[in-house]
Each structure stands twice: as C-alpha cells, then as structure tokens.
N, C-alpha and C. Protein backbone atom coordinates (compact mmCIF):
# COMPACT_ATOMS: atom_id res chain seq x y z
N MET A 1 -8.55 10.00 0.67
CA MET A 1 -8.47 10.52 -0.73
C MET A 1 -6.98 10.64 -0.94
N THR A 2 -6.59 10.13 -2.07
CA THR A 2 -5.63 10.46 -2.10
C THR A 2 -4.59 10.62 -3.55
N SER A 3 -3.72 11.06 -4.06
CA SER A 3 -3.54 11.39 -5.44
C SER A 3 -2.14 10.44 -5.92
N GLY A 4 -1.79 9.48 -5.14
CA GLY A 4 -0.56 8.95 -5.18
C GLY A 4 -0.93 8.04 -6.27
N THR A 5 0.07 7.29 -6.28
CA THR A 5 0.28 5.95 -7.22
C THR A 5 0.85 4.80 -6.83
N ASP A 6 0.21 3.81 -7.34
CA ASP A 6 1.04 2.06 -6.53
C ASP A 6 2.37 1.89 -6.07
N LYS A 7 2.95 2.78 -7.02
CA LYS A 7 4.48 3.05 -7.25
C LYS A 7 4.88 3.90 -6.06
N SER A 8 4.45 4.73 -6.00
CA SER A 8 4.92 5.64 -4.60
C SER A 8 4.39 4.99 -3.60
N LEU A 9 3.47 4.48 -3.66
CA LEU A 9 2.89 3.97 -2.10
C LEU A 9 4.10 2.48 -1.99
N ALA A 10 4.29 1.77 -2.99
CA ALA A 10 5.62 1.03 -2.44
C ALA A 10 6.73 1.63 -2.44
N SER A 11 7.23 2.65 -2.72
CA SER A 11 8.43 3.54 -2.34
C SER A 11 8.05 3.93 -1.16
N LYS A 12 7.16 4.59 -0.53
CA LYS A 12 7.00 4.69 0.63
C LYS A 12 7.09 3.82 1.70
N PHE A 13 6.66 2.55 1.52
CA PHE A 13 6.82 1.24 2.20
C PHE A 13 7.90 1.30 2.48
N PHE A 14 8.72 1.46 1.44
CA PHE A 14 10.51 0.57 1.58
C PHE A 14 11.06 1.78 2.22
N ASN A 15 10.69 3.15 2.17
CA ASN A 15 11.58 4.08 3.12
C ASN A 15 10.90 4.01 4.35
N HIS A 16 9.94 3.50 4.73
CA HIS A 16 9.68 3.82 6.18
C HIS A 16 9.76 2.29 6.92
N LEU A 17 9.27 1.49 5.95
CA LEU A 17 9.65 0.06 6.80
C LEU A 17 10.97 -0.85 6.24
N SER A 18 11.90 -0.14 6.01
CA SER A 18 13.07 -1.07 5.44
C SER A 18 13.66 -1.84 6.70
N GLY A 19 13.70 -1.39 7.86
CA GLY A 19 13.79 -2.03 8.97
C GLY A 19 13.49 -2.56 9.49
N ASN A 20 12.21 -2.85 9.51
CA ASN A 20 11.57 -3.98 10.02
C ASN A 20 11.28 -5.09 9.77
N LYS A 21 11.60 -5.94 10.51
CA LYS A 21 11.90 -7.62 10.51
C LYS A 21 10.60 -8.26 9.85
N HIS A 22 9.55 -7.67 9.90
CA HIS A 22 8.35 -7.97 8.91
C HIS A 22 8.20 -7.63 7.75
N PHE A 23 8.81 -6.76 7.20
CA PHE A 23 8.47 -6.11 5.92
C PHE A 23 10.08 -6.72 5.07
N LYS A 24 9.96 -7.39 3.48
CA LYS A 24 11.43 -7.31 3.09
C LYS A 24 10.85 -6.89 1.55
N GLN A 25 11.64 -6.79 0.72
CA GLN A 25 11.71 -6.70 -0.52
C GLN A 25 11.52 -7.67 -1.08
N ALA A 26 10.49 -8.04 -2.22
CA ALA A 26 10.68 -9.24 -2.84
C ALA A 26 11.84 -9.42 -4.16
N ARG A 27 12.16 -10.92 -4.03
CA ARG A 27 13.18 -10.82 -5.56
C ARG A 27 12.72 -10.52 -6.64
N LYS A 28 11.39 -10.78 -7.16
CA LYS A 28 10.84 -10.85 -8.39
C LYS A 28 11.09 -9.46 -9.20
N ALA A 29 10.42 -8.50 -8.61
CA ALA A 29 9.99 -7.32 -8.94
C ALA A 29 10.47 -6.23 -7.91
N SER A 30 11.53 -4.99 -8.30
CA SER A 30 11.59 -3.91 -7.47
C SER A 30 10.63 -3.33 -6.54
N ASP A 31 9.06 -3.40 -7.07
CA ASP A 31 8.17 -3.13 -5.98
C ASP A 31 7.79 -3.76 -5.41
N GLN A 32 7.74 -4.96 -5.51
CA GLN A 32 6.90 -6.12 -4.71
C GLN A 32 7.31 -6.03 -3.71
N PHE A 33 6.91 -6.72 -2.62
CA PHE A 33 7.42 -6.82 -1.19
C PHE A 33 6.73 -7.83 -0.56
N ILE A 34 7.22 -8.15 0.84
CA ILE A 34 6.89 -9.30 1.54
C ILE A 34 6.36 -8.84 2.85
N VAL A 35 5.55 -9.29 3.25
CA VAL A 35 4.78 -9.02 4.96
C VAL A 35 5.16 -10.37 5.58
N VAL A 36 5.84 -10.26 6.78
CA VAL A 36 5.86 -11.67 7.44
C VAL A 36 4.78 -11.68 8.32
N HIS A 37 3.71 -12.26 8.18
CA HIS A 37 2.53 -12.55 8.90
C HIS A 37 3.14 -13.79 9.72
N TYR A 38 1.80 -13.95 10.91
CA TYR A 38 1.89 -15.24 12.10
C TYR A 38 2.14 -16.04 11.10
N ALA A 39 1.46 -16.30 10.05
CA ALA A 39 1.35 -17.58 9.51
C ALA A 39 2.44 -17.94 8.14
N GLY A 40 3.24 -17.09 8.20
CA GLY A 40 4.31 -17.04 7.50
C GLY A 40 4.59 -15.70 6.46
N PRO A 41 5.59 -15.83 5.30
CA PRO A 41 5.79 -14.86 4.56
C PRO A 41 4.82 -14.40 3.56
N VAL A 42 4.26 -13.48 3.37
CA VAL A 42 3.32 -13.46 1.90
C VAL A 42 3.49 -12.20 1.10
N GLU A 43 3.62 -12.75 0.18
CA GLU A 43 4.28 -11.16 -1.11
C GLU A 43 2.84 -11.04 -1.77
N TYR A 44 3.24 -9.79 -1.82
CA TYR A 44 2.26 -8.52 -2.35
C TYR A 44 2.96 -7.88 -3.42
N ASP A 45 2.18 -7.36 -4.66
CA ASP A 45 2.41 -6.62 -5.65
C ASP A 45 1.29 -5.60 -5.44
N PRO A 46 2.27 -4.34 -5.54
CA PRO A 46 1.16 -2.75 -5.20
C PRO A 46 0.30 -2.50 -5.80
N PHE A 47 0.64 -3.37 -7.41
CA PHE A 47 -0.54 -2.88 -8.76
C PHE A 47 -1.86 -3.00 -8.43
N GLY A 48 -2.54 -1.76 -8.06
CA GLY A 48 -4.10 -1.91 -7.87
C GLY A 48 -4.43 -1.64 -6.54
N PHE A 49 -3.35 -1.29 -5.78
CA PHE A 49 -3.52 -1.18 -4.44
C PHE A 49 -4.50 0.14 -4.06
N THR A 50 -3.76 0.89 -4.88
CA THR A 50 -4.76 2.82 -4.77
C THR A 50 -5.98 2.37 -4.96
N GLU A 51 -6.22 1.92 -6.36
CA GLU A 51 -7.63 2.15 -6.85
C GLU A 51 -8.46 0.81 -6.14
N LYS A 52 -7.72 -0.24 -5.63
CA LYS A 52 -8.61 -0.83 -4.56
C LYS A 52 -9.30 -0.58 -3.37
N ASN A 53 -8.45 -0.10 -2.83
CA ASN A 53 -8.42 0.88 -1.53
C ASN A 53 -8.73 2.17 -1.52
N ALA A 54 -9.55 2.64 -2.47
CA ALA A 54 -9.65 3.85 -2.48
C ALA A 54 -11.52 4.14 -1.84
N ASP A 55 -11.72 4.55 -1.01
CA ASP A 55 -12.67 4.92 -0.24
C ASP A 55 -13.73 6.25 -0.97
N PRO A 56 -14.62 6.02 -1.53
CA PRO A 56 -15.33 7.46 -2.44
C PRO A 56 -16.29 8.07 -0.83
N ILE A 57 -16.09 9.39 -0.55
CA ILE A 57 -16.95 10.28 0.17
C ILE A 57 -18.32 9.67 -0.25
N ASP A 58 -19.46 9.47 0.41
CA ASP A 58 -20.66 9.71 0.49
C ASP A 58 -21.09 11.14 -0.13
N ALA A 59 -22.01 11.32 -1.20
CA ALA A 59 -22.51 12.48 -1.33
C ALA A 59 -22.84 13.80 -0.46
N ASN A 60 -23.58 12.97 0.53
CA ASN A 60 -24.20 13.68 1.70
C ASN A 60 -22.90 14.06 2.78
N ILE A 61 -22.20 13.48 2.60
CA ILE A 61 -21.10 13.86 3.94
C ILE A 61 -20.25 15.00 3.09
N ALA A 62 -20.08 14.98 1.87
CA ALA A 62 -19.20 16.06 0.89
C ALA A 62 -20.01 16.96 1.05
N LYS A 63 -21.58 17.16 0.85
CA LYS A 63 -22.10 18.75 0.73
C LYS A 63 -21.95 18.96 2.18
N VAL A 64 -22.13 18.19 3.35
CA VAL A 64 -22.04 18.64 4.55
C VAL A 64 -20.86 19.76 5.04
N LEU A 65 -19.42 18.70 4.48
CA LEU A 65 -18.22 19.17 4.78
C LEU A 65 -18.30 20.63 3.96
N SER A 66 -18.84 20.53 3.18
CA SER A 66 -18.34 21.84 2.12
C SER A 66 -19.27 22.97 2.62
C-alpha cells in the first residue's frame, strides 16, 4: 500500500537508476523512461502505474493483522 503518485514513482526511478545501463529517460516526456530488455528497448509511461499495481489487502488478512 502506497501513498505515492505516478510522478513520484518516476522520480524515484530516475534518482536510483540513472546510472544503470538498462534504464534511460525517454525523449518524449520528462517522466517517461526506457528499460532496455533482452529483446531491446521498451518505452514506458508511468501514468497509471500506481493504480494498476495497487494490491488491496484481503479483508480477512487486515482483520487478523489489526
């Protein structure tokens, strides 16, 4: 569970991965990036990342943990 945004996620990627040869900033927009996979470079737009990858906690697990 995170309170971050797509833009903050992209910012963290740039801050932590800028020296990695498999990670590059895209030329189209400042928050888009490229990951160089085994098959070649793939461009990503972080818009919607946090929403698509949010894994809700099952109600039973939340109840046990509380």
